[in-house]
Amino acid sequence: MTIQGQNQVLIVDDHIGVCEMVSSVVESLGHRPHMAPDGETALEMLSVGGFDLLVTDLRMPDIDGLELLQRSKDLSPLVPVILLTGYPTVDTATQAIKRGASDFLTKPFKVEQLEFSVTRALEERRMMEENQRLAAEANKVAVIQRLNTKLNQKVRELMNLNRVSEAIDAAEDNETLFERVVELATDLTGAERVSLMLTTPEATGLRIRAARGISEDVMRDVVVPLGSGIAGEVARSCQPVHIVRTSQRPPGTAERSIYNSPSFICVPLVISTEALGVLSAAEKLGGEDFSEDDFSLVQELAKKAAIKIENNALYESIYCNLVDTLTSLVSTLEAKDPYTKEHSKRVTQMAVLLGQKLGLPEEDIESIEFAGILHDIGKIGVRDSILLKPGRLTDEEFEVIKSHPVIGETIVEPLGLIPSERDIIRHHHERMDGSGYPDGLKGDEIPLLARVVAVADAFDAMTTTRIYRQAMGLEYALGEFEKFRGVQFDPTVVDALHSVIHEQPPALLTSAVSEARKQTA
């Protein structure tokens, strides 16, 4: 029911901020918003009648969105329902469609998405009212067939959108994301040629990052200046282009292009107001024109990809800041004792050399470089009176020291380190005979990278001056490694240590080795 040309929209969410945001969008479209804090209140308002659209959250404390959807359809079958959720699943989307949802939006969504969904739902309401009128005049079988066709189309559309969301959310890095975006665009539109182009570092042109149906030479060599050709113009203007046989091509796109198809789609990936790149599809299978549904799907795909790229950049920035903070804490910890200054840096350098000598894969070397710097981060939780004690530690004090690997693992847990990196921090004080700490692992039970860092750590400890003793010298340290070979230290890593010390050019050796040689001399 409308009042003075306004559609009445009921908005249900237990978060007042979401209600107010949706209300603002609804009002900007010329409709009248009404808010309810929960499902029970919404049902009371719906029972009175007069609403043209229901927008509801999925998760609420009393009646969830699916139940509210079902009961609202019992009260007012023609009132379309838009479901909002921050926890989308295929099963939830399917249940929503089965119960008659008009749309299914995943939080966070953009204002344009909500505007499009509200406008489409209200148009759906108008069409359903018109269909009701026609049903009274026309053949009922034909009406049912049309509704079934629309319903099937709606189900396919929502399933495709959910497929897009799941595939993009599952991409762990940008390169994987680019490939999945191109793969989805190819599958969903039936295009024979699809490309994802991103702006160059200097932001003057576009280069292909992933593609289907385009030669390797083109992918490697083509750089499209901003404002030139279809892709360059779309990137410059941030306006999508959908060309069919009867369309007029945009200005400036008549020159030779890799998009020579009579029908094609080119949409921008936009972050804030700037184009990060463009997603293009050309040459639909069978020579047909790309449909409006194809165009909408590619736009939705580009929007979600841009959001994911932006989130990845934000996460990487936060992650790097957190790692830098922890690294600074390690430096501050080591600075308290001038005898151990840059200990973690030296241990990491030596461990990297050992790993390379052992022929470890590059990903293991990267794990050593990352976790080696943080291997003693747990000592932050140990009192200075113990860490800096000049004399022999008591048994009780040593037990406190032995807790630092576990404390370190707890500190870095929010970083989401891979297992090999966590192993370095937790297990670099384990011994081959099982007498180490914190878990008493023995032999091959001790992760290999932890065994490598253990040798590097012990080497630095023996060959540098400490608050409680002078440096022991290189020959003494090597003798200790032979003495405890297979008891405390992995024999294979000890052999690698000998090779590193005796075979590496002086310029590649760590400062610990150089210092040890000075002590020996």
Protein backbone atom coordinates (compact mmCIF):
# COMPACT_ATOMS: atom_id res chain seq x y z
CA MET A 1 0.00 0.00 0.00
CA THR A 2 1.35 3.47 -0.85
CA ILE A 3 0.53 6.78 0.84
CA GLN A 4 0.75 9.91 -1.30
CA GLY A 5 3.06 8.15 -3.76
CA GLN A 6 5.39 6.82 -1.06
CA ASN A 7 6.14 3.13 -0.56
CA GLN A 8 6.12 2.07 3.10
CA VAL A 9 9.26 0.08 4.01
CA LEU A 10 9.65 -1.83 7.31
CA ILE A 11 13.29 -2.27 8.44
CA VAL A 12 14.06 -4.87 11.12
CA ASP A 13 17.47 -5.18 12.84
CA ASP A 14 18.56 -5.39 16.47
CA HIS A 15 21.44 -3.00 15.66
CA ILE A 16 20.07 0.54 15.56
CA GLY A 17 23.00 1.70 13.42
CA VAL A 18 22.06 -0.71 10.62
CA CYS A 19 18.40 0.33 10.87
CA GLU A 20 19.32 4.00 10.57
CA MET A 21 21.67 3.40 7.63
CA VAL A 22 19.06 1.40 5.70
CA SER A 23 16.39 3.98 6.60
CA SER A 24 18.56 6.74 5.17
CA VAL A 25 18.94 4.85 1.86
CA VAL A 26 15.21 4.09 1.68
CA GLU A 27 14.35 7.74 2.37
CA SER A 28 16.80 8.93 -0.29
CA LEU A 29 14.88 6.83 -2.82
CA GLY A 30 11.67 8.68 -1.96
CA HIS A 31 10.13 5.97 0.21
CA ARG A 32 9.01 6.12 3.84
CA PRO A 33 11.03 3.97 6.30
CA HIS A 34 9.70 2.39 9.52
CA MET A 35 11.99 0.65 12.02
CA ALA A 36 11.51 -2.34 14.33
CA PRO A 37 14.15 -3.60 16.82
CA ASP A 38 13.14 -7.27 16.69
CA GLY A 39 10.98 -9.87 14.95
CA GLU A 40 8.07 -9.80 17.39
CA THR A 41 7.64 -6.04 17.01
CA ALA A 42 7.86 -6.40 13.25
CA LEU A 43 5.10 -9.03 13.20
CA GLU A 44 2.83 -6.76 15.22
CA MET A 45 3.41 -3.95 12.74
CA LEU A 46 2.92 -6.27 9.75
CA SER A 47 -0.35 -7.57 11.17
CA VAL A 48 -1.76 -4.03 10.95
CA GLY A 49 -0.80 -3.94 7.25
CA GLY A 50 0.13 -1.08 4.96
CA PHE A 51 3.72 -2.07 4.14
CA ASP A 52 5.13 -2.46 0.65
CA LEU A 53 8.55 -3.93 1.51
CA LEU A 54 10.26 -5.73 4.43
CA VAL A 55 14.05 -5.48 4.95
CA THR A 56 15.26 -7.73 7.77
CA ASP A 57 18.47 -8.99 9.33
CA LEU A 58 18.98 -12.77 9.33
CA ARG A 59 20.34 -13.21 12.87
CA MET A 60 18.20 -11.70 15.65
CA PRO A 61 17.73 -12.70 19.28
CA ASP A 62 14.05 -13.66 19.21
CA ILE A 63 12.75 -14.52 15.73
CA ASP A 64 15.43 -14.97 13.07
CA GLY A 65 15.09 -13.54 9.58
CA LEU A 66 14.00 -16.82 7.94
CA GLU A 67 11.16 -17.31 10.42
CA LEU A 68 10.12 -13.66 10.08
CA LEU A 69 10.19 -14.13 6.29
CA GLN A 70 7.90 -17.17 6.53
CA ARG A 71 5.44 -15.55 8.94
CA SER A 72 5.38 -12.27 7.01
CA LYS A 73 4.42 -14.20 3.87
CA ASP A 74 1.54 -15.75 5.81
CA LEU A 75 0.38 -12.25 6.79
CA SER A 76 1.11 -10.41 3.52
CA PRO A 77 2.07 -12.70 0.64
CA LEU A 78 2.69 -9.84 -1.77
CA VAL A 79 5.13 -7.93 0.46
CA PRO A 80 8.65 -8.66 -0.89
CA VAL A 81 11.39 -9.40 1.66
CA ILE A 82 15.09 -8.54 1.48
CA LEU A 83 17.35 -10.52 3.84
CA LEU A 84 20.60 -9.04 5.20
CA THR A 85 23.34 -11.20 6.70
CA GLY A 86 27.00 -11.15 7.63
CA TYR A 87 27.18 -14.97 7.55
CA PRO A 88 26.15 -16.09 4.03
CA THR A 89 25.97 -19.77 3.10
CA VAL A 90 24.55 -21.63 0.12
CA ASP A 91 22.07 -23.40 2.41
CA THR A 92 20.82 -20.12 3.89
CA ALA A 93 20.43 -18.57 0.44
CA THR A 94 18.52 -21.63 -0.77
CA GLN A 95 16.22 -21.58 2.27
CA ALA A 96 15.59 -17.87 1.74
CA ILE A 97 14.60 -18.39 -1.89
CA LYS A 98 12.38 -21.35 -1.04
CA ARG A 99 10.53 -19.22 1.51
CA GLY A 100 10.03 -16.40 -0.97
CA ALA A 101 12.85 -13.88 -0.33
CA SER A 102 13.17 -11.19 -2.96
CA ASP A 103 16.92 -10.65 -2.40
CA PHE A 104 19.78 -11.77 -0.17
CA LEU A 105 22.47 -9.13 0.61
CA THR A 106 25.77 -9.93 2.31
CA LYS A 107 27.14 -7.47 4.88
CA PRO A 108 29.02 -5.26 4.39
CA PHE A 109 27.21 -4.05 1.29
CA LYS A 110 27.48 -0.79 -0.60
CA VAL A 111 24.73 1.81 -0.76
CA GLU A 112 24.36 1.19 -4.50
CA GLN A 113 23.67 -2.51 -3.87
CA LEU A 114 20.93 -1.71 -1.35
CA GLU A 115 19.40 0.95 -3.61
CA PHE A 116 19.31 -1.51 -6.51
CA SER A 117 17.83 -4.26 -4.34
CA VAL A 118 15.10 -2.00 -2.85
CA THR A 119 14.13 -0.60 -6.25
CA ARG A 120 14.02 -4.07 -7.79
CA ALA A 121 11.97 -5.51 -4.90
CA LEU A 122 9.40 -2.73 -5.10
CA GLU A 123 9.20 -3.20 -8.84
CA GLU A 124 8.71 -6.90 -8.16
CA ARG A 125 5.84 -5.98 -5.81
CA ARG A 126 4.27 -3.85 -8.52
CA MET A 127 4.65 -6.63 -11.04
CA MET A 128 3.16 -9.18 -8.67
CA GLU A 129 0.14 -6.95 -8.13
CA GLU A 130 -0.16 -6.59 -11.89
CA ASN A 131 0.17 -10.33 -12.26
CA GLN A 132 -2.62 -10.81 -9.77
CA ARG A 133 -4.84 -8.56 -11.82
CA LEU A 134 -3.90 -10.42 -14.99
CA ALA A 135 -4.48 -13.77 -13.33
CA ALA A 136 -8.11 -12.90 -12.91
CA GLU A 137 -8.40 -12.21 -16.63
CA ALA A 138 -5.97 -14.59 -18.26
CA ASN A 139 -5.32 -18.26 -18.37
CA LYS A 140 -4.11 -19.35 -14.94
CA VAL A 141 -1.72 -21.95 -16.35
CA ALA A 142 0.10 -19.34 -18.42
CA VAL A 143 0.43 -17.07 -15.39
CA ILE A 144 1.88 -19.88 -13.29
CA GLN A 145 4.38 -20.71 -16.03
CA ARG A 146 5.56 -17.11 -16.18
CA LEU A 147 5.93 -16.95 -12.41
CA ASN A 148 7.82 -20.22 -12.38
CA THR A 149 10.14 -18.92 -15.06
CA LYS A 150 10.81 -15.78 -13.04
CA LEU A 151 11.30 -17.81 -9.88
CA ASN A 152 13.79 -20.11 -11.57
CA GLN A 153 15.60 -17.11 -12.99
CA LYS A 154 15.69 -15.55 -9.52
CA VAL A 155 17.06 -18.73 -7.97
CA ARG A 156 19.79 -18.94 -10.61
CA GLU A 157 20.67 -15.29 -10.09
CA LEU A 158 20.96 -15.62 -6.32
CA MET A 159 22.90 -18.87 -6.57
CA ASN A 160 25.33 -17.24 -9.00
CA LEU A 161 25.78 -14.28 -6.67
CA ASN A 162 26.39 -16.60 -3.75
CA ARG A 163 28.88 -18.57 -5.84
CA VAL A 164 30.72 -15.32 -6.58
CA SER A 165 30.85 -14.39 -2.88
CA GLU A 166 32.11 -17.80 -1.78
CA ALA A 167 34.80 -18.03 -4.46
CA ILE A 168 36.14 -14.54 -3.78
CA ASP A 169 36.06 -14.92 0.00
CA ALA A 170 38.02 -18.19 -0.29
CA ALA A 171 40.90 -16.59 -2.25
CA GLU A 172 43.86 -16.37 0.13
CA ASP A 173 45.99 -14.01 -1.95
CA ASN A 174 45.52 -11.52 -4.76
CA GLU A 175 46.98 -13.72 -7.51
CA THR A 176 44.53 -16.50 -6.66
CA LEU A 177 41.76 -13.90 -6.50
CA PHE A 178 42.57 -12.60 -10.00
CA GLU A 179 42.44 -16.10 -11.48
CA ARG A 180 39.13 -16.90 -9.77
CA VAL A 181 37.54 -13.65 -10.92
CA VAL A 182 38.45 -14.39 -14.54
CA GLU A 183 37.29 -18.01 -14.20
CA LEU A 184 33.94 -16.92 -12.74
CA ALA A 185 33.39 -14.27 -15.41
CA THR A 186 34.08 -16.88 -18.09
CA ASP A 187 31.73 -19.47 -16.61
CA LEU A 188 28.88 -17.10 -15.71
CA THR A 189 28.71 -15.17 -18.98
CA GLY A 190 29.86 -17.76 -21.52
CA ALA A 191 32.55 -15.39 -22.79
CA GLU A 192 35.41 -16.83 -24.83
CA ARG A 193 37.76 -13.99 -23.91
CA VAL A 194 37.98 -12.47 -20.44
CA SER A 195 40.68 -10.30 -18.91
CA LEU A 196 41.36 -8.61 -15.58
CA MET A 197 43.59 -5.56 -16.00
CA LEU A 198 45.05 -3.53 -13.13
CA THR A 199 46.62 -0.10 -13.14
CA THR A 200 50.40 0.03 -13.40
CA PRO A 201 52.40 1.22 -10.34
CA GLU A 202 52.70 4.71 -11.81
CA ALA A 203 48.92 4.71 -12.47
CA THR A 204 49.29 5.73 -16.13
CA GLY A 205 48.07 2.55 -17.80
CA LEU A 206 46.56 -0.92 -17.44
CA ARG A 207 48.31 -4.29 -17.63
CA ILE A 208 46.64 -7.73 -17.83
CA ARG A 209 47.02 -9.74 -14.60
CA ALA A 210 44.79 -12.71 -15.47
CA ALA A 211 42.94 -13.77 -18.62
CA ARG A 212 41.21 -16.50 -20.60
CA GLY A 213 41.35 -16.79 -24.38
CA ILE A 214 44.13 -14.17 -24.75
CA SER A 215 47.63 -15.09 -25.92
CA GLU A 216 50.62 -15.02 -23.59
CA ASP A 217 52.30 -12.42 -25.83
CA VAL A 218 49.39 -10.02 -25.45
CA MET A 219 49.23 -10.59 -21.71
CA ARG A 220 52.94 -9.92 -21.37
CA ASP A 221 53.34 -6.98 -23.74
CA VAL A 222 50.10 -4.96 -23.83
CA VAL A 223 49.85 -1.86 -21.64
CA VAL A 224 46.72 0.22 -22.28
CA PRO A 225 47.11 3.93 -21.43
CA LEU A 226 44.37 5.37 -19.20
CA GLY A 227 41.75 7.03 -21.37
CA SER A 228 42.73 5.01 -24.45
CA GLY A 229 40.57 2.24 -25.91
CA ILE A 230 37.58 0.71 -24.17
CA ALA A 231 39.44 -0.50 -21.07
CA GLY A 232 41.40 2.74 -20.70
CA GLU A 233 38.25 4.86 -21.01
CA VAL A 234 36.36 2.72 -18.48
CA ALA A 235 39.27 2.99 -16.03
CA ARG A 236 39.47 6.74 -16.51
CA SER A 237 35.75 7.41 -16.18
CA CYS A 238 34.90 4.63 -13.69
CA GLN A 239 31.79 4.00 -15.81
CA PRO A 240 30.90 0.47 -16.99
CA VAL A 241 30.28 -0.26 -20.67
CA HIS A 242 27.89 -2.84 -22.17
CA ILE A 243 27.98 -3.00 -25.95
CA VAL A 244 25.61 -5.03 -28.13
CA ARG A 245 25.30 -5.08 -31.92
CA THR A 246 22.90 -2.14 -31.96
CA SER A 247 24.91 -0.06 -29.49
CA GLN A 248 27.14 2.83 -30.39
CA ARG A 249 30.67 2.35 -29.15
CA PRO A 250 31.92 4.85 -26.53
CA PRO A 251 34.00 7.79 -27.80
CA GLY A 252 37.68 7.03 -28.23
CA THR A 253 37.22 3.26 -28.60
CA ALA A 254 37.10 2.92 -32.38
CA GLU A 255 40.82 2.16 -32.70
CA ARG A 256 42.12 -1.41 -32.85
CA SER A 257 41.63 -3.18 -29.55
CA ILE A 258 41.94 -6.66 -28.10
CA TYR A 259 38.15 -6.39 -27.70
CA ASN A 260 36.93 -6.71 -31.28
CA SER A 261 33.72 -8.56 -30.42
CA PRO A 262 30.44 -6.97 -31.60
CA SER A 263 29.16 -7.45 -28.03
CA PHE A 264 31.29 -7.01 -24.94
CA ILE A 265 31.29 -5.91 -21.31
CA CYS A 266 33.90 -3.79 -19.56
CA VAL A 267 33.44 -2.69 -15.95
CA PRO A 268 35.77 -0.89 -13.51
CA LEU A 269 37.09 -2.22 -10.20
CA VAL A 270 36.64 0.83 -8.00
CA ILE A 271 38.11 1.57 -4.56
CA SER A 272 36.67 4.78 -3.10
CA THR A 273 36.44 6.89 -6.26
CA GLU A 274 39.51 5.55 -8.05
CA ALA A 275 39.61 2.71 -10.57
CA LEU A 276 42.00 -0.05 -9.55
CA GLY A 277 41.49 -1.82 -12.88
CA VAL A 278 38.87 -3.22 -15.25
CA LEU A 279 37.20 -6.57 -15.87
CA SER A 280 36.29 -7.26 -19.49
CA ALA A 281 34.36 -10.03 -21.28
CA ALA A 282 34.10 -10.48 -25.06
CA GLU A 283 32.95 -12.97 -27.72
CA LYS A 284 30.03 -14.74 -26.08
CA LEU A 285 29.69 -18.39 -27.06
CA GLY A 286 27.37 -18.86 -30.04
CA GLY A 287 27.92 -15.29 -31.23
CA GLU A 288 25.08 -13.93 -29.07
CA ASP A 289 24.98 -10.56 -27.36
CA PHE A 290 25.76 -10.34 -23.67
CA SER A 291 22.49 -9.95 -21.75
CA GLU A 292 21.62 -7.47 -19.01
CA ASP A 293 21.95 -10.36 -16.55
CA ASP A 294 25.49 -10.97 -17.81
CA PHE A 295 26.23 -7.27 -17.38
CA SER A 296 24.86 -7.25 -13.81
CA LEU A 297 26.84 -10.35 -12.87
CA VAL A 298 30.12 -8.93 -14.16
CA GLN A 299 29.47 -5.67 -12.30
CA GLU A 300 28.76 -7.58 -9.09
CA LEU A 301 31.89 -9.66 -9.60
CA ALA A 302 34.00 -6.53 -10.11
CA LYS A 303 32.54 -4.88 -7.00
CA LYS A 304 33.24 -7.87 -4.79
CA ALA A 305 36.74 -8.29 -6.22
CA ALA A 306 37.54 -4.62 -5.52
CA ILE A 307 36.31 -4.97 -1.93
CA LYS A 308 38.42 -8.11 -1.45
CA ILE A 309 41.54 -6.43 -2.87
CA GLU A 310 40.99 -3.44 -0.59
CA ASN A 311 40.51 -5.72 2.42
CA ASN A 312 43.66 -7.67 1.53
CA ALA A 313 45.65 -4.43 1.38
CA LEU A 314 44.26 -3.31 4.74
CA TYR A 315 44.99 -6.71 6.33
CA GLU A 316 48.53 -6.70 4.94
CA SER A 317 49.10 -3.21 6.35
CA ILE A 318 47.79 -4.19 9.79
CA TYR A 319 49.77 -7.45 9.69
CA CYS A 320 53.00 -5.68 8.76
CA ASN A 321 52.46 -3.08 11.49
CA LEU A 322 51.91 -5.83 14.05
CA VAL A 323 55.03 -7.71 12.95
CA ASP A 324 57.04 -4.48 13.05
CA THR A 325 55.75 -3.83 16.57
CA LEU A 326 56.76 -7.30 17.75
CA THR A 327 60.15 -6.96 16.07
CA SER A 328 60.64 -3.63 17.84
CA LEU A 329 59.74 -5.31 21.13
CA VAL A 330 62.42 -7.94 20.48
CA SER A 331 64.95 -5.19 19.76
CA THR A 332 63.93 -3.37 22.94
CA LEU A 333 64.25 -6.60 24.92
CA GLU A 334 67.72 -7.29 23.56
CA ALA A 335 68.80 -3.67 24.07
CA LYS A 336 68.39 -4.11 27.84
CA ASP A 337 71.42 -6.38 27.73
CA PRO A 338 74.23 -4.98 25.54
CA TYR A 339 75.77 -8.45 25.41
CA THR A 340 72.82 -9.90 23.48
CA LYS A 341 72.16 -6.91 21.23
CA GLU A 342 70.93 -8.09 17.78
CA HIS A 343 71.00 -11.72 18.95
CA SER A 344 67.78 -12.58 17.06
CA LYS A 345 69.10 -10.98 13.88
CA ARG A 346 72.33 -12.99 14.04
CA VAL A 347 70.49 -16.22 14.81
CA THR A 348 68.21 -15.64 11.82
CA GLN A 349 71.13 -14.92 9.50
CA MET A 350 72.94 -18.09 10.54
CA ALA A 351 69.74 -20.19 10.39
CA VAL A 352 69.11 -18.98 6.83
CA LEU A 353 72.64 -19.99 5.81
CA LEU A 354 72.14 -23.40 7.42
CA GLY A 355 68.78 -23.85 5.69
CA GLN A 356 70.29 -22.97 2.32
CA LYS A 357 73.18 -25.38 2.93
CA LEU A 358 70.65 -28.11 3.70
CA GLY A 359 68.84 -27.36 0.42
CA LEU A 360 65.56 -26.39 2.10
CA PRO A 361 62.82 -25.04 -0.21
CA GLU A 362 62.32 -21.29 -0.49
CA GLU A 363 59.13 -21.33 1.60
CA ASP A 364 61.08 -22.88 4.52
CA ILE A 365 63.79 -20.22 4.19
CA GLU A 366 61.07 -17.55 4.31
CA SER A 367 59.64 -19.16 7.46
CA ILE A 368 63.09 -19.04 9.09
CA GLU A 369 63.53 -15.39 8.10
CA PHE A 370 60.15 -14.46 9.59
CA ALA A 371 60.01 -16.58 12.76
CA GLY A 372 63.74 -16.47 13.50
CA ILE A 373 63.54 -12.78 14.39
CA LEU A 374 60.69 -13.54 16.81
CA HIS A 375 62.02 -16.80 18.28
CA ASP A 376 62.75 -15.21 21.68
CA ILE A 377 59.72 -12.87 21.79
CA GLY A 378 58.41 -14.84 24.80
CA LYS A 379 61.21 -13.43 26.97
CA ILE A 380 59.09 -10.29 27.20
CA GLY A 381 57.15 -12.25 29.82
CA VAL A 382 60.27 -12.98 31.91
CA ARG A 383 61.40 -10.58 34.67
CA ASP A 384 64.53 -8.50 34.02
CA SER A 385 65.96 -9.67 37.33
CA ILE A 386 66.14 -13.17 35.83
CA LEU A 387 67.02 -12.28 32.24
CA LEU A 388 69.86 -9.95 33.27
CA LYS A 389 71.11 -11.91 36.28
CA PRO A 390 74.96 -11.99 36.11
CA GLY A 391 75.35 -15.20 38.08
CA ARG A 392 74.00 -18.75 37.89
CA LEU A 393 70.21 -19.10 37.81
CA THR A 394 68.41 -21.04 40.52
CA ASP A 395 66.26 -24.01 39.53
CA GLU A 396 63.15 -21.89 40.06
CA GLU A 397 64.54 -19.08 37.91
CA PHE A 398 65.47 -21.51 35.15
CA GLU A 399 61.91 -22.88 35.14
CA VAL A 400 60.71 -19.31 34.52
CA ILE A 401 63.16 -18.96 31.63
CA LYS A 402 61.91 -22.27 30.18
CA SER A 403 58.43 -20.80 29.87
CA HIS A 404 59.43 -18.27 27.18
CA PRO A 405 58.80 -20.51 24.11
CA VAL A 406 55.18 -21.09 25.17
CA ILE A 407 54.72 -17.40 26.02
CA GLY A 408 56.16 -16.53 22.60
CA GLU A 409 53.75 -18.83 20.79
CA THR A 410 50.85 -17.22 22.67
CA ILE A 411 52.03 -13.71 21.75
CA VAL A 412 52.23 -14.45 18.01
CA GLU A 413 49.02 -16.51 17.87
CA PRO A 414 46.92 -13.56 16.53
CA LEU A 415 49.28 -13.31 13.54
CA GLY A 416 47.96 -16.57 12.09
CA LEU A 417 51.44 -17.99 11.46
CA ILE A 418 51.79 -21.18 9.46
CA PRO A 419 52.72 -24.32 11.49
CA SER A 420 56.43 -24.26 10.56
CA GLU A 421 56.77 -20.70 11.89
CA ARG A 422 54.96 -21.49 15.13
CA ASP A 423 57.19 -24.57 15.50
CA ILE A 424 60.34 -22.44 15.43
CA ILE A 425 59.10 -20.22 18.26
CA ARG A 426 57.81 -23.08 20.44
CA HIS A 427 60.41 -25.82 19.83
CA HIS A 428 63.82 -24.16 19.34
CA HIS A 429 64.91 -25.40 22.81
CA GLU A 430 63.97 -29.05 22.30
CA ARG A 431 66.87 -31.57 22.36
CA MET A 432 67.42 -34.66 20.24
CA ASP A 433 67.50 -36.90 23.35
CA GLY A 434 64.14 -35.58 24.57
CA SER A 435 65.51 -33.60 27.53
CA GLY A 436 64.65 -30.19 26.05
CA TYR A 437 61.63 -27.97 26.64
CA PRO A 438 58.75 -27.15 26.59
CA ASP A 439 57.39 -30.49 25.27
CA GLY A 440 60.29 -32.92 25.64
CA LEU A 441 60.23 -33.89 21.96
CA LYS A 442 63.02 -36.13 20.69
CA GLY A 443 64.69 -36.88 17.36
CA ASP A 444 62.49 -36.40 14.31
CA GLU A 445 59.57 -35.42 16.55
CA ILE A 446 61.24 -32.00 16.67
CA PRO A 447 60.26 -30.00 13.55
CA LEU A 448 63.22 -29.59 11.18
CA LEU A 449 63.16 -25.79 11.09
CA ALA A 450 63.20 -25.70 14.90
CA ARG A 451 66.28 -27.97 14.84
CA VAL A 452 67.97 -25.57 12.41
CA VAL A 453 67.22 -22.52 14.56
CA ALA A 454 68.34 -24.43 17.69
CA VAL A 455 71.84 -24.88 16.23
CA ALA A 456 72.00 -21.23 15.12
CA ASP A 457 70.77 -20.09 18.54
CA ALA A 458 73.31 -22.20 20.44
CA PHE A 459 76.13 -21.10 18.12
CA ASP A 460 75.37 -17.43 18.75
CA ALA A 461 75.07 -18.04 22.50
CA MET A 462 78.48 -19.71 22.67
CA THR A 463 80.39 -17.35 20.36
CA THR A 464 79.23 -14.02 21.76
CA THR A 465 79.94 -12.42 25.11
CA ARG A 466 77.14 -12.70 27.65
CA ILE A 467 76.53 -10.86 30.91
CA TYR A 468 77.60 -13.93 32.87
CA ARG A 469 80.65 -14.99 30.74
CA GLN A 470 82.98 -14.12 27.85
CA ALA A 471 82.60 -15.51 24.33
CA MET A 472 83.91 -19.09 24.09
CA GLY A 473 85.57 -18.86 20.68
CA LEU A 474 84.91 -20.65 17.41
CA GLU A 475 86.93 -23.85 17.98
CA TYR A 476 85.44 -24.37 21.44
CA ALA A 477 81.91 -23.90 20.04
CA LEU A 478 82.51 -26.41 17.24
CA GLY A 479 83.88 -28.86 19.79
CA GLU A 480 80.70 -28.51 21.86
CA PHE A 481 78.58 -29.21 18.81
CA GLU A 482 80.55 -32.40 18.16
CA LYS A 483 80.31 -33.38 21.82
CA PHE A 484 76.51 -32.99 21.85
CA ARG A 485 75.95 -34.18 18.31
CA GLY A 486 72.85 -36.41 18.28
CA VAL A 487 72.29 -35.66 21.97
CA GLN A 488 71.25 -32.02 21.85
CA PHE A 489 71.75 -31.12 18.20
CA ASP A 490 70.68 -32.68 14.88
CA PRO A 491 73.85 -34.21 13.32
CA THR A 492 72.83 -33.17 9.81
CA VAL A 493 72.44 -29.54 10.89
CA VAL A 494 75.79 -29.69 12.73
CA ASP A 495 77.43 -30.87 9.49
CA ALA A 496 75.81 -27.94 7.69
CA LEU A 497 77.25 -25.59 10.35
CA HIS A 498 80.78 -26.86 9.68
CA SER A 499 80.27 -26.31 5.95
CA VAL A 500 78.90 -22.80 6.43
CA ILE A 501 81.81 -21.76 8.63
CA HIS A 502 84.57 -23.29 6.52
CA GLU A 503 83.18 -22.89 2.99
CA GLN A 504 81.15 -19.66 2.90
CA PRO A 505 82.98 -16.52 1.70
CA PRO A 506 83.63 -14.15 4.63
CA ALA A 507 81.24 -11.54 3.21
CA LEU A 508 78.31 -13.97 3.54
CA LEU A 509 79.03 -15.04 7.11
CA THR A 510 77.05 -13.65 10.02
CA SER A 511 78.52 -11.18 12.47
CA ALA A 512 78.46 -13.99 15.04
CA VAL A 513 80.89 -16.06 12.94
CA SER A 514 83.14 -13.05 12.43
CA GLU A 515 83.12 -12.29 16.15
CA ALA A 516 83.83 -15.94 16.97
CA ARG A 517 86.82 -15.97 14.64
CA LYS A 518 88.16 -12.86 16.35
CA GLN A 519 87.79 -14.55 19.75
CA THR A 520 89.62 -17.64 18.47
CA ALA A 521 92.42 -15.53 17.05
